[in-house]
Amino acid sequence: MVDCQHACPAHTPVPEYIRLIAEEKYTEAYMINWDSNVFPGVLGRTCDRPCEPACRRGRVEDEPVAICRLKRVAADNKGDVKKHMPQGPFKSNGKKIALVGAGPASLTVARDLAPLGYEIHLYDEQKLGGGFMRSQIPSFRLPESVLNEEVNYILDLGIHTHFNQYVKSLKETLNAGYDAVFVGSGAPKGRDLNIPGRQEGAANIHIGINWLANVAFEHTKKIGKKVIVLGGGNTAMDCCRTSRRLGGEQVKVVVRSPFAEMKASPWEKEDAMHEDIPIIDNHVPKTFVVENGVLKGMTFEKVEAVYENGKRKLVPVGGEDVFIEADDVLIAVGQENSFPWIERDLGIEFDQWNMPKVDEVTFCSTNPKVFFGGDAAWGPKNVITAVAHGHQAAISIDLFCRGEKLTVRPSPYVNLVSQKMGIHEWAYDSAVVTDKRYVVPQAEKKVTLSDRKKEVELGFDGLTGFKEAERCLNCDIQTVFTTDKCIECDACMDICPTACITFTENADETDLRTMLKVPATNATQDLYVSSELKTKRVMVKDENVCLHCGLCAERCPTSAWDMQKFFYNVTKAHSGCASHK
């Protein structure tokens, strides 16, 4: 599996869909995404991008391919995708499944199980599906129309929805005739900050995720002119940017940690600062200042980070406390799970942190009928992780309902196919471009700050999307070497633009790395070493700097080199977990 695909929790076949975008096959690219990550339009705007730090483009220049924003290109330009999705009604298999919470994990379970004939019942206290994608991601990052479209693709599979209905008792749910229950209720409890003045100023001190939900559902439409946002994660960034759109003129983010160690994604911090929001780091909250029942601001202690034995300590630097004025304070210092509705006599064990004990492979709790996923399983993560959990939980629920072992997981679908079409022609665009990463355009700041529903990012147009897609190095196109065809002419070594191929005597790996044409210094990347050639030498290729350009295969006079596409796709419950009759 290539690095970007491995880094994606749902293991989306990244190079495959990027090539389709370059070919303007947007519908096909969308469906490749939809199979794996379920919400391409949502994730193309909001994903935490774990794939991008793994992108090998970042090894040859500063910036990786804009994998996330290319996903949006597919979503924005797709054709009629619904005809390519499972078409109901589906023949019933007589089994009923309850899903608690309508976030990305539960919706993924619903999508995977509905085509197999399961009767799916989806419960959520909100009025619409989407979970925290709807309540905590602001519309200026994720338009409601995009979310509704992708949620409805799933609901249209025949899901029985129970919105505006809070599940008060898991025991009652289990006793309602369901064959299995999936808990995808998220991490709905925002952490508070109980320091002096908290109770006295409560009217103007808000828990960040609750406040964002109130804004999303239009219960809250304004905020004071001076706003402090406490916290350094993405929720804090959403709170401060939303505040700017609801009347906040002097909005400040104040965080305990150093700026570089904030949990917020770098691009989220950049967007906040672009909207004239200062981020004040190394300040620890001490008190809320309330005078005559009115919140006036907060005091902070200045600290510096000191590192001992790999552990960070925040040490006061001395001096007077810092006072910052505020009409309102938003607390975004973390989220917690909350399961008051799960009785403790159902055979579900909880750990010392009051979290359910969940198997990391099967997603099953200690009650064999109850499964967990998303933030409800191991705490707050992100949308793509919740989707990955949903896929695996769906497999387990299907196995459980058919009386099979949950630990016997389905094998992934894999394939390896030559891309050779002619003497010097490949079935992919093998040329390596030197373009730097393209910047996603944004709407004018004065326009977006005046309308909280106006999307900030405009996305790539078709031409820019093509150019960005061409930056992909096609890492799934493998260089395959056949030893007995090689005549050791060294032509491949001569033509390789990165000097990653060497013919040399064999040795142990440590020594071999120093014997190459260019020493292989990245010990985390395996070397490609052939079996022994006729001259007793071996071919060694440093995969770390290979561009997958195919020049070695084009130059080889005996076809000892070939370019072969490796396709890897995680098996889903609906796509071959077992034979369903």
Protein backbone atom coordinates (compact mmCIF):
# COMPACT_ATOMS: atom_id res chain seq x y z
CA MET A 1 0.00 0.00 0.00
CA VAL A 2 1.38 3.42 -0.93
CA ASP A 3 2.15 5.93 1.80
CA CYS A 4 -0.75 8.35 1.28
CA GLN A 5 -3.30 5.54 1.11
CA HIS A 6 -1.84 3.88 4.20
CA ALA A 7 -1.98 7.14 6.15
CA CYS A 8 -5.68 7.61 5.32
CA PRO A 9 -7.67 5.83 8.07
CA ALA A 10 -10.17 4.63 5.43
CA HIS A 11 -7.32 3.70 3.03
CA THR A 12 -8.76 5.62 0.09
CA PRO A 13 -6.93 4.74 -3.19
CA VAL A 14 -5.50 8.24 -3.54
CA PRO A 15 -3.37 8.07 -6.73
CA GLU A 16 -6.18 6.22 -8.52
CA TYR A 17 -8.72 9.00 -8.05
CA ILE A 18 -6.17 11.75 -8.68
CA ARG A 19 -5.39 10.26 -12.11
CA LEU A 20 -9.10 10.19 -12.87
CA ILE A 21 -9.36 13.88 -11.99
CA ALA A 22 -6.50 14.65 -14.38
CA GLU A 23 -8.48 12.80 -17.07
CA GLU A 24 -11.59 14.87 -16.19
CA LYS A 25 -13.38 11.68 -15.11
CA TYR A 26 -14.85 13.40 -12.10
CA THR A 27 -17.77 11.04 -11.56
CA GLU A 28 -15.46 8.02 -11.50
CA ALA A 29 -13.09 9.84 -9.15
CA TYR A 30 -16.00 10.68 -6.86
CA MET A 31 -17.16 7.07 -6.73
CA ILE A 32 -13.66 5.81 -5.89
CA ASN A 33 -13.80 8.20 -2.94
CA TRP A 34 -17.39 7.41 -2.00
CA ASP A 35 -16.62 3.72 -1.73
CA SER A 36 -13.86 4.38 0.80
CA ASN A 37 -14.54 7.65 2.60
CA VAL A 38 -18.31 8.05 2.05
CA PHE A 39 -18.29 11.87 2.23
CA PRO A 40 -16.00 13.20 -0.56
CA GLY A 41 -17.62 16.63 -0.70
CA VAL A 42 -17.45 17.05 3.08
CA LEU A 43 -13.92 15.71 3.43
CA GLY A 44 -12.69 17.64 0.40
CA ARG A 45 -13.36 20.75 2.49
CA THR A 46 -12.79 19.71 6.09
CA CYS A 47 -10.53 16.66 6.34
CA ASP A 48 -7.59 16.78 8.73
CA ARG A 49 -5.46 15.47 5.82
CA PRO A 50 -3.43 12.69 7.45
CA CYS A 51 -2.56 11.57 3.90
CA GLU A 52 -0.69 14.74 2.98
CA PRO A 53 2.25 14.53 5.42
CA ALA A 54 2.79 11.01 4.03
CA CYS A 55 2.76 12.19 0.40
CA ARG A 56 6.08 11.36 -1.27
CA ARG A 57 5.99 14.60 -3.23
CA GLY A 58 7.03 16.17 0.05
CA ARG A 59 10.32 14.24 -0.18
CA VAL A 60 11.40 15.97 -3.38
CA GLU A 61 10.03 19.46 -2.67
CA ASP A 62 8.48 21.46 0.17
CA GLU A 63 4.75 20.83 -0.30
CA PRO A 64 2.79 17.59 -0.81
CA VAL A 65 0.05 17.18 -3.39
CA ALA A 66 -3.19 18.90 -2.34
CA ILE A 67 -4.91 15.54 -1.94
CA CYS A 68 -7.76 16.86 0.18
CA ARG A 69 -8.69 19.75 -2.10
CA LEU A 70 -8.50 17.50 -5.17
CA LYS A 71 -11.18 15.38 -3.53
CA ARG A 72 -13.35 18.48 -3.63
CA VAL A 73 -12.60 18.91 -7.35
CA ALA A 74 -14.16 15.49 -7.94
CA ALA A 75 -17.16 16.36 -5.75
CA ASP A 76 -17.77 19.78 -7.31
CA ASN A 77 -17.57 18.54 -10.90
CA LYS A 78 -19.19 15.10 -10.67
CA GLY A 79 -22.11 14.09 -12.85
CA ASP A 80 -25.03 11.86 -11.85
CA VAL A 81 -23.42 9.67 -9.23
CA LYS A 82 -26.57 8.28 -7.70
CA LYS A 83 -27.07 5.82 -10.54
CA HIS A 84 -23.74 4.25 -9.61
CA MET A 85 -24.77 3.74 -5.98
CA PRO A 86 -26.69 0.75 -4.59
CA GLN A 87 -30.32 0.89 -5.72
CA GLY A 88 -33.07 -0.06 -3.28
CA PRO A 89 -35.40 -1.43 -2.20
CA PHE A 90 -33.25 -4.29 -0.97
CA LYS A 91 -34.43 -7.78 -0.16
CA SER A 92 -34.82 -8.07 3.61
CA ASN A 93 -32.63 -10.48 5.54
CA GLY A 94 -34.90 -10.24 8.59
CA LYS A 95 -32.38 -8.42 10.81
CA LYS A 96 -32.85 -5.03 12.52
CA ILE A 97 -30.01 -2.74 13.56
CA ALA A 98 -30.22 0.38 15.73
CA LEU A 99 -27.70 3.18 15.23
CA VAL A 100 -27.44 5.70 18.07
CA GLY A 101 -26.20 9.03 16.75
CA ALA A 102 -26.36 10.16 13.11
CA GLY A 103 -22.75 11.21 12.65
CA PRO A 104 -20.22 9.92 10.12
CA ALA A 105 -19.58 6.59 11.86
CA SER A 106 -23.27 5.64 12.11
CA LEU A 107 -23.99 6.84 8.58
CA THR A 108 -21.14 4.69 7.27
CA VAL A 109 -22.55 1.63 9.05
CA ALA A 110 -25.95 2.41 7.55
CA ARG A 111 -24.53 2.73 4.04
CA ASP A 112 -22.61 -0.53 4.27
CA LEU A 113 -25.38 -2.64 5.83
CA ALA A 114 -28.52 -1.37 4.07
CA PRO A 115 -27.72 -3.01 0.70
CA LEU A 116 -27.38 -6.36 2.50
CA GLY A 117 -31.03 -6.26 3.53
CA TYR A 118 -30.69 -5.01 7.08
CA GLU A 119 -33.49 -2.85 8.46
CA ILE A 120 -31.58 0.17 9.74
CA HIS A 121 -33.01 2.52 12.38
CA LEU A 122 -31.06 5.75 12.90
CA TYR A 123 -31.57 7.79 16.09
CA ASP A 124 -30.38 11.33 16.78
CA GLU A 125 -31.47 14.21 18.97
CA GLN A 126 -30.77 16.70 16.17
CA LYS A 127 -33.38 17.47 13.54
CA LEU A 128 -31.20 16.26 10.66
CA GLY A 129 -28.44 13.73 10.05
CA GLY A 130 -24.74 14.51 10.07
CA GLY A 131 -23.85 14.65 13.75
CA PHE A 132 -20.95 16.96 14.54
CA MET A 133 -20.43 17.58 10.80
CA ARG A 134 -23.63 19.61 11.02
CA SER A 135 -23.42 21.03 14.52
CA GLN A 136 -19.71 21.83 14.87
CA ILE A 137 -18.33 22.58 11.39
CA PRO A 138 -19.36 26.11 10.38
CA SER A 139 -21.18 26.70 7.11
CA PHE A 140 -18.41 28.96 5.82
CA ARG A 141 -16.23 25.83 5.76
CA LEU A 142 -18.91 23.27 4.91
CA PRO A 143 -22.03 24.50 3.10
CA GLU A 144 -25.22 22.87 4.34
CA SER A 145 -26.16 21.91 0.78
CA VAL A 146 -23.02 19.77 0.43
CA LEU A 147 -23.65 18.01 3.73
CA ASN A 148 -27.33 17.43 2.97
CA GLU A 149 -26.53 15.93 -0.41
CA GLU A 150 -24.09 13.37 0.94
CA VAL A 151 -26.15 12.49 4.01
CA ASN A 152 -29.19 11.97 1.80
CA TYR A 153 -27.31 9.58 -0.49
CA ILE A 154 -27.27 7.28 2.55
CA LEU A 155 -30.72 8.00 3.93
CA ASP A 156 -32.19 7.32 0.49
CA LEU A 157 -31.05 3.69 0.81
CA GLY A 158 -34.16 3.13 2.90
CA ILE A 159 -32.89 4.12 6.34
CA HIS A 160 -35.56 4.55 9.02
CA THR A 161 -34.80 7.89 10.65
CA HIS A 162 -35.75 8.88 14.19
CA PHE A 163 -34.60 12.49 14.39
CA ASN A 164 -35.39 14.82 17.29
CA GLN A 165 -35.29 11.73 19.48
CA TYR A 166 -32.77 11.42 22.27
CA VAL A 167 -32.03 7.83 23.27
CA LYS A 168 -32.51 7.79 27.03
CA SER A 169 -31.81 4.13 27.69
CA LEU A 170 -29.66 1.56 25.93
CA LYS A 171 -31.51 -1.13 27.84
CA GLU A 172 -34.78 -0.03 26.28
CA THR A 173 -33.16 0.00 22.84
CA LEU A 174 -31.80 -3.53 23.28
CA ASN A 175 -35.21 -4.69 24.43
CA ALA A 176 -36.89 -3.20 21.35
CA GLY A 177 -36.10 -6.17 19.15
CA TYR A 178 -32.85 -5.05 17.54
CA ASP A 179 -30.35 -7.73 16.60
CA ALA A 180 -27.43 -5.37 17.22
CA VAL A 181 -26.85 -1.78 18.33
CA PHE A 182 -24.11 0.54 17.09
CA VAL A 183 -23.21 3.49 19.31
CA GLY A 184 -21.91 6.44 17.30
CA SER A 185 -22.95 9.20 19.67
CA GLY A 186 -19.68 11.12 19.42
CA ALA A 187 -17.98 13.07 22.21
CA PRO A 188 -20.81 15.48 22.98
CA LYS A 189 -19.55 17.06 26.19
CA GLY A 190 -17.31 20.10 25.98
CA ARG A 191 -14.82 20.55 28.80
CA ASP A 192 -15.42 23.45 31.15
CA LEU A 193 -12.90 25.66 32.92
CA ASN A 194 -13.69 25.95 36.60
CA ILE A 195 -11.58 28.90 37.71
CA PRO A 196 -12.62 31.90 39.86
CA GLY A 197 -15.43 33.93 38.29
CA ARG A 198 -16.82 31.08 36.20
CA GLN A 199 -20.21 30.98 37.90
CA GLU A 200 -20.57 34.72 38.30
CA GLY A 201 -19.94 35.36 34.61
CA ALA A 202 -21.82 32.30 33.34
CA ALA A 203 -24.21 34.33 31.17
CA ASN A 204 -21.36 35.35 28.86
CA ILE A 205 -19.13 32.28 29.15
CA HIS A 206 -19.96 29.54 26.69
CA ILE A 207 -18.80 25.99 25.99
CA GLY A 208 -17.40 26.09 22.45
CA ILE A 209 -19.07 23.05 20.87
CA ASN A 210 -22.45 23.93 22.41
CA TRP A 211 -22.15 27.49 21.16
CA LEU A 212 -21.26 26.30 17.62
CA ALA A 213 -24.30 24.02 17.65
CA ASN A 214 -26.52 26.90 18.74
CA VAL A 215 -25.16 28.98 15.88
CA ALA A 216 -25.64 26.15 13.39
CA PHE A 217 -29.26 25.70 14.38
CA GLU A 218 -29.74 29.50 14.52
CA HIS A 219 -30.50 29.74 18.22
CA THR A 220 -27.52 32.10 18.58
CA LYS A 221 -27.15 34.95 16.09
CA LYS A 222 -24.81 37.45 17.75
CA ILE A 223 -21.92 37.83 20.15
CA GLY A 224 -20.17 40.71 21.90
CA LYS A 225 -17.62 42.94 20.20
CA LYS A 226 -14.74 41.73 22.36
CA VAL A 227 -14.34 37.96 22.43
CA ILE A 228 -11.76 35.64 23.97
CA VAL A 229 -11.56 32.08 22.66
CA LEU A 230 -9.74 29.67 24.96
CA GLY A 231 -8.06 26.67 23.36
CA GLY A 232 -5.70 25.73 20.58
CA GLY A 233 -7.54 23.10 18.56
CA ASN A 234 -9.65 23.23 15.43
CA THR A 235 -12.79 23.85 17.49
CA ALA A 236 -11.18 27.01 18.84
CA MET A 237 -10.42 28.11 15.28
CA ASP A 238 -14.05 27.52 14.28
CA CYS A 239 -15.25 29.46 17.34
CA CYS A 240 -13.06 32.50 16.70
CA ARG A 241 -13.86 32.66 12.98
CA THR A 242 -17.59 32.26 13.66
CA SER A 243 -17.38 35.04 16.26
CA ARG A 244 -16.01 37.41 13.61
CA ARG A 245 -19.13 36.77 11.56
CA LEU A 246 -21.56 37.30 14.43
CA GLY A 247 -20.39 40.73 15.51
CA GLY A 248 -17.03 40.09 17.14
CA GLU A 249 -14.69 42.96 16.26
CA GLN A 250 -11.80 42.21 18.62
CA VAL A 251 -11.56 38.43 18.71
CA LYS A 252 -8.50 36.87 20.34
CA VAL A 253 -7.47 33.24 20.69
CA VAL A 254 -5.56 32.58 23.90
CA VAL A 255 -3.79 29.25 24.34
CA ARG A 256 -1.60 27.71 27.06
CA SER A 257 0.87 26.00 24.73
CA PRO A 258 3.44 27.46 22.34
CA PHE A 259 2.04 28.39 18.92
CA ALA A 260 3.89 25.59 17.13
CA GLU A 261 2.44 22.97 19.48
CA MET A 262 -1.20 23.94 19.10
CA LYS A 263 -3.43 21.04 18.07
CA ALA A 264 -5.15 23.06 15.36
CA SER A 265 -4.19 22.23 11.79
CA PRO A 266 -1.66 24.73 10.36
CA TRP A 267 -4.09 25.84 7.64
CA GLU A 268 -6.80 26.49 10.24
CA LYS A 269 -4.45 28.77 12.15
CA GLU A 270 -3.52 30.54 8.93
CA ASP A 271 -7.17 31.12 8.04
CA ALA A 272 -7.90 32.55 11.50
CA MET A 273 -4.98 34.97 11.32
CA HIS A 274 -5.98 35.95 7.78
CA GLU A 275 -9.28 37.10 9.30
CA ASP A 276 -7.40 39.42 11.68
CA ILE A 277 -7.61 37.14 14.70
CA PRO A 278 -4.44 37.23 16.85
CA ILE A 279 -3.34 34.00 18.53
CA ILE A 280 -1.75 34.67 21.93
CA ASP A 281 0.25 31.67 23.10
CA ASN A 282 1.90 30.75 26.43
CA HIS A 283 -0.90 32.27 28.51
CA VAL A 284 -2.60 30.18 31.20
CA PRO A 285 -6.12 31.28 32.29
CA LYS A 286 -6.34 32.32 35.94
CA THR A 287 -9.64 34.13 36.51
CA PHE A 288 -12.75 35.45 34.84
CA VAL A 289 -13.10 39.08 35.88
CA VAL A 290 -16.71 39.96 36.74
CA GLU A 291 -17.82 43.34 38.07
CA ASN A 292 -21.37 43.93 39.29
CA GLY A 293 -22.46 40.74 37.57
CA VAL A 294 -20.98 41.77 34.22
CA LEU A 295 -18.09 39.92 32.57
CA LYS A 296 -15.21 42.32 31.93
CA GLY A 297 -12.48 39.97 30.76
CA MET A 298 -9.93 37.48 32.01
CA THR A 299 -6.54 37.36 33.68
CA PHE A 300 -3.74 35.11 32.47
CA GLU A 301 -0.37 33.99 33.75
CA LYS A 302 2.47 34.14 31.25
CA VAL A 303 4.47 30.93 30.95
CA GLU A 304 7.20 29.36 28.88
CA ALA A 305 7.61 25.76 27.78
CA VAL A 306 10.46 23.84 29.38
CA TYR A 307 11.31 20.33 28.22
CA GLU A 308 12.75 17.69 30.53
CA ASN A 309 13.20 14.06 29.49
CA GLY A 310 10.90 14.60 26.54
CA LYS A 311 8.11 16.02 28.67
CA ARG A 312 6.84 19.58 28.50
CA LYS A 313 6.29 21.76 31.53
CA LEU A 314 4.74 25.21 31.44
CA VAL A 315 6.78 27.35 33.81
CA PRO A 316 5.67 30.85 34.93
CA VAL A 317 7.98 33.60 33.68
CA GLY A 318 7.09 35.96 36.52
CA GLY A 319 5.67 39.44 36.43
CA GLU A 320 2.11 40.66 36.73
CA ASP A 321 -0.85 38.76 35.37
CA VAL A 322 -2.10 39.82 31.96
CA PHE A 323 -5.65 41.22 31.72
CA ILE A 324 -7.57 40.90 28.43
CA GLU A 325 -10.95 42.57 28.00
CA ALA A 326 -13.92 40.50 26.84
CA ASP A 327 -17.68 40.76 26.49
CA ASP A 328 -17.92 37.00 25.84
CA VAL A 329 -15.63 34.02 26.35
CA LEU A 330 -15.79 30.77 24.40
CA ILE A 331 -14.21 27.74 26.05
CA ALA A 332 -12.79 25.29 23.49
CA VAL A 333 -10.31 23.31 25.57
CA GLY A 334 -11.40 19.80 24.65
CA GLN A 335 -14.29 17.37 24.44
CA GLU A 336 -15.32 14.38 26.50
CA ASN A 337 -17.51 11.35 26.07
CA SER A 338 -20.70 11.05 28.01
CA PHE A 339 -22.80 7.92 28.41
CA PRO A 340 -25.44 8.66 31.08
CA TRP A 341 -27.98 6.76 28.97
CA ILE A 342 -26.02 3.48 29.07
CA GLU A 343 -27.00 1.45 32.12
CA ARG A 344 -24.13 -0.24 33.92
CA ASP A 345 -25.88 -3.62 34.24
CA LEU A 346 -25.87 -4.53 30.54
CA GLY A 347 -22.56 -6.37 30.49
CA ILE A 348 -20.70 -3.41 29.01
CA GLU A 349 -17.47 -2.85 30.90
CA PHE A 350 -16.10 0.68 31.35
CA ASP A 351 -12.51 1.66 32.11
CA GLN A 352 -11.16 4.08 34.71
CA TRP A 353 -11.94 7.02 32.41
CA ASN A 354 -15.57 5.92 32.12
CA MET A 355 -15.03 4.83 28.54
CA PRO A 356 -16.46 1.55 27.22
CA LYS A 357 -13.96 -1.25 26.66
CA VAL A 358 -14.03 -1.73 22.89
CA ASP A 359 -12.07 -4.26 20.84
CA GLU A 360 -9.77 -2.37 18.45
CA VAL A 361 -10.31 -4.86 15.62
CA THR A 362 -13.99 -5.78 15.89
CA PHE A 363 -15.32 -2.58 17.54
CA CYS A 364 -17.42 -4.82 19.78
CA SER A 365 -17.97 -4.01 23.43
CA THR A 366 -18.07 -6.64 26.18
CA ASN A 367 -21.76 -7.02 25.33
CA PRO A 368 -21.68 -8.98 22.03
CA LYS A 369 -24.71 -7.12 20.66
CA VAL A 370 -23.32 -3.62 21.21
CA PHE A 371 -20.69 -2.01 18.98
CA PHE A 372 -18.98 1.38 19.21
CA GLY A 373 -17.26 3.63 16.67
CA GLY A 374 -16.21 7.18 15.92
CA ASP A 375 -15.57 9.52 18.85
CA ALA A 376 -17.77 7.32 21.06
CA ALA A 377 -15.20 4.51 20.93
CA TRP A 378 -11.90 6.14 21.96
CA GLY A 379 -12.55 9.85 22.19
CA PRO A 380 -12.47 12.80 19.77
CA LYS A 381 -10.74 12.26 16.42
CA ASN A 382 -12.11 13.40 13.06
CA VAL A 383 -14.53 12.56 10.25
CA ILE A 384 -12.27 10.24 8.27
CA THR A 385 -11.40 8.18 11.36
CA ALA A 386 -15.10 7.84 12.18
CA VAL A 387 -15.75 6.60 8.64
CA ALA A 388 -12.99 4.00 8.97
CA HIS A 389 -14.51 2.83 12.25
CA GLY A 390 -17.91 2.58 10.63
CA HIS A 391 -16.65 0.31 7.85
CA GLN A 392 -15.08 -2.12 10.29
CA ALA A 393 -18.01 -2.05 12.70
CA ALA A 394 -20.39 -2.83 9.82
CA ILE A 395 -18.32 -5.90 8.95
CA SER A 396 -18.48 -7.05 12.57
CA ILE A 397 -22.23 -6.48 12.85
CA ASP A 398 -22.78 -8.46 9.65
CA LEU A 399 -20.59 -11.32 10.89
CA PHE A 400 -22.31 -11.28 14.28
CA CYS A 401 -25.78 -11.40 12.79
CA ARG A 402 -24.77 -14.37 10.66
CA GLY A 403 -23.26 -16.20 13.63
CA GLU A 404 -19.68 -16.06 12.36
CA LYS A 405 -16.42 -15.21 14.16
CA LEU A 406 -15.79 -11.50 14.33
CA THR A 407 -12.02 -11.96 14.34
CA VAL A 408 -11.95 -13.54 10.87
CA ARG A 409 -11.83 -10.35 8.82
CA PRO A 410 -12.32 -10.22 5.05
CA SER A 411 -9.18 -9.86 2.96
CA PRO A 412 -8.68 -6.64 1.00
CA TYR A 413 -9.05 -6.55 -2.76
CA VAL A 414 -5.63 -6.30 -4.42
CA ASN A 415 -4.47 -6.30 -8.02
CA LEU A 416 -1.23 -5.74 -9.93
CA VAL A 417 -1.48 -4.89 -13.63
CA SER A 418 1.16 -3.82 -16.16
CA GLN A 419 0.68 -0.30 -17.51
CA LYS A 420 2.64 -0.93 -20.69
CA MET A 421 0.76 0.02 -23.88
CA GLY A 422 3.62 0.32 -26.36
CA ILE A 423 7.38 0.59 -26.58
CA HIS A 424 7.41 4.02 -24.95
CA GLU A 425 3.80 4.42 -23.90
CA TRP A 426 2.12 3.85 -20.56
CA ALA A 427 -1.51 3.76 -19.46
CA TYR A 428 -0.82 6.69 -17.12
CA ASP A 429 0.74 10.11 -17.58
CA SER A 430 4.28 9.32 -16.46
CA ALA A 431 5.87 12.73 -17.00
CA VAL A 432 7.03 14.39 -13.78
CA VAL A 433 6.07 18.06 -13.53
CA THR A 434 8.01 20.61 -11.51
CA ASP A 435 5.02 22.76 -10.52
CA LYS A 436 4.83 23.91 -6.93
CA ARG A 437 1.65 23.31 -4.96
CA TYR A 438 -1.22 25.49 -6.15
CA VAL A 439 -3.06 27.74 -3.69
CA VAL A 440 -6.81 27.29 -3.28
CA PRO A 441 -8.49 30.65 -4.00
CA GLN A 442 -10.70 32.27 -1.38
CA ALA A 443 -13.64 34.65 -1.56
CA GLU A 444 -13.05 38.26 -0.51
CA LYS A 445 -12.64 38.64 3.23
CA LYS A 446 -15.09 41.54 3.52
CA VAL A 447 -17.74 39.38 1.85
CA THR A 448 -17.18 36.23 3.90
CA LEU A 449 -17.00 38.06 7.23
CA SER A 450 -20.39 39.64 6.59
CA ASP A 451 -22.16 36.31 5.99
CA ARG A 452 -21.48 33.27 8.14
CA LYS A 453 -22.88 30.95 5.44
CA LYS A 454 -20.68 32.28 2.64
CA GLU A 455 -18.08 29.62 1.84
CA VAL A 456 -14.54 30.98 2.17
CA GLU A 457 -12.66 28.55 -0.05
CA LEU A 458 -13.71 28.58 -3.69
CA GLY A 459 -11.98 25.36 -4.69
CA PHE A 460 -9.78 24.71 -7.70
CA ASP A 461 -11.18 25.36 -11.15
CA GLY A 462 -10.84 22.58 -13.73
CA LEU A 463 -7.50 23.71 -15.14
CA THR A 464 -5.86 24.26 -11.76
CA GLY A 465 -7.27 20.95 -10.55
CA PHE A 466 -5.63 19.25 -13.52
CA LYS A 467 -2.29 20.94 -12.84
CA GLU A 468 -2.38 20.00 -9.16
CA ALA A 469 -3.35 16.42 -10.05
CA GLU A 470 -0.34 16.22 -12.37
CA ARG A 471 1.92 16.82 -9.36
CA CYS A 472 1.05 13.31 -8.09
CA LEU A 473 4.00 10.94 -8.51
CA ASN A 474 1.74 7.90 -9.16
CA CYS A 475 3.28 6.03 -6.27
CA ASP A 476 0.94 3.08 -6.81
CA ILE A 477 2.62 2.46 -10.17
CA GLN A 478 5.34 0.07 -9.06
CA THR A 479 8.67 -0.50 -10.76
CA VAL A 480 8.86 -4.28 -11.14
CA PHE A 481 12.26 -5.79 -11.94
CA THR A 482 12.72 -9.26 -13.50
CA THR A 483 16.19 -10.53 -12.72
CA ASP A 484 16.57 -13.14 -15.46
CA LYS A 485 15.75 -10.58 -18.18
CA CYS A 486 18.48 -8.15 -17.11
CA ILE A 487 21.70 -8.02 -19.21
CA GLU A 488 23.34 -5.54 -16.80
CA CYS A 489 23.85 -2.84 -19.40
CA ASP A 490 23.31 -0.16 -16.72
CA ALA A 491 21.06 1.84 -19.09
CA CYS A 492 18.42 2.24 -16.40
CA MET A 493 21.01 3.50 -13.96
CA ASP A 494 22.24 6.07 -16.46
CA ILE A 495 18.82 7.49 -17.32
CA CYS A 496 17.31 7.61 -13.82
CA PRO A 497 16.77 11.33 -13.02
CA THR A 498 17.22 10.84 -9.28
CA ALA A 499 20.06 8.27 -9.42
CA CYS A 500 17.98 5.88 -7.34
CA ILE A 501 19.16 2.72 -9.18
CA THR A 502 22.53 1.07 -8.48
CA PHE A 503 24.12 -2.22 -9.53
CA THR A 504 26.54 -3.34 -6.85
CA GLU A 505 27.76 -6.24 -4.79
CA ASN A 506 25.32 -7.37 -2.13
CA ALA A 507 25.85 -6.58 1.52
CA ASP A 508 23.87 -6.15 4.72
CA GLU A 509 21.41 -3.29 4.57
CA THR A 510 23.42 -0.82 6.63
CA ASP A 511 26.45 -1.15 4.37
CA LEU A 512 24.37 -1.41 1.21
CA ARG A 513 22.79 1.97 1.86
CA THR A 514 26.24 3.60 1.75
CA MET A 515 27.29 1.76 -1.43
CA LEU A 516 24.61 3.22 -3.69
CA LYS A 517 25.15 5.81 -6.40
CA VAL A 518 23.49 8.24 -4.00
CA PRO A 519 23.51 6.98 -0.39
CA ALA A 520 20.05 6.00 0.88
CA THR A 521 19.72 7.95 4.10
CA ASN A 522 16.03 7.41 4.88
CA ALA A 523 16.16 4.23 6.95
CA THR A 524 12.37 4.17 7.31
CA GLN A 525 12.00 3.41 3.59
CA ASP A 526 12.89 -0.12 2.52
CA LEU A 527 15.33 -0.72 -0.31
CA TYR A 528 14.25 -2.69 -3.38
CA VAL A 529 16.96 -5.38 -3.76
CA SER A 530 16.87 -7.94 -6.57
CA SER A 531 18.05 -11.52 -6.40
CA GLU A 532 21.61 -12.18 -7.55
CA LEU A 533 22.44 -11.37 -11.17
CA LYS A 534 24.80 -13.33 -13.43
CA THR A 535 27.77 -11.16 -12.42
CA LYS A 536 26.97 -11.82 -8.73
CA ARG A 537 25.86 -8.20 -8.37
CA VAL A 538 22.36 -7.11 -7.31
CA MET A 539 20.13 -4.29 -8.46
CA VAL A 540 19.30 -1.91 -5.61
CA LYS A 541 16.68 0.84 -5.90
CA ASP A 542 16.14 3.54 -3.31
CA GLU A 543 12.35 3.80 -3.23
CA ASN A 544 12.62 6.96 -1.17
CA VAL A 545 13.45 9.14 -4.19
CA CYS A 546 11.91 7.17 -7.08
CA LEU A 547 9.62 9.37 -9.19
CA HIS A 548 7.76 6.48 -10.89
CA CYS A 549 8.50 8.18 -14.20
CA GLY A 550 9.01 4.92 -16.10
CA LEU A 551 12.22 6.03 -17.81
CA CYS A 552 14.05 2.93 -16.57
CA ALA A 553 11.42 0.71 -18.20
CA GLU A 554 11.44 2.75 -21.40
CA ARG A 555 15.23 2.59 -21.69
CA CYS A 556 15.59 -1.13 -20.84
CA PRO A 557 16.28 -3.10 -24.06
CA THR A 558 15.08 -6.42 -22.63
CA SER A 559 11.95 -5.34 -20.69
CA ALA A 560 13.54 -6.30 -17.41
CA TRP A 561 11.73 -3.31 -15.93
CA ASP A 562 7.96 -2.91 -16.04
CA MET A 563 5.57 -0.35 -14.55
CA GLN A 564 2.69 -2.14 -12.81
CA LYS A 565 -0.24 -0.55 -11.03
CA PHE A 566 -0.93 -1.90 -7.56
CA PHE A 567 -4.57 -1.44 -6.55
CA TYR A 568 -5.58 -1.94 -2.91
CA ASN A 569 -9.09 -1.53 -1.61
CA VAL A 570 -10.42 -2.35 1.84
CA THR A 571 -13.29 -4.81 1.64
CA LYS A 572 -16.55 -3.40 3.00
CA ALA A 573 -19.49 -5.34 4.42
CA HIS A 574 -21.50 -4.60 1.28
CA SER A 575 -18.76 -5.51 -1.18
CA GLY A 576 -17.85 -9.08 -0.44
CA CYS A 577 -17.63 -9.68 3.29
CA ALA A 578 -19.31 -13.01 2.59
CA SER A 579 -21.75 -14.51 0.17
CA HIS A 580 -25.24 -13.19 0.90
CA LYS A 581 -28.21 -15.10 -0.40
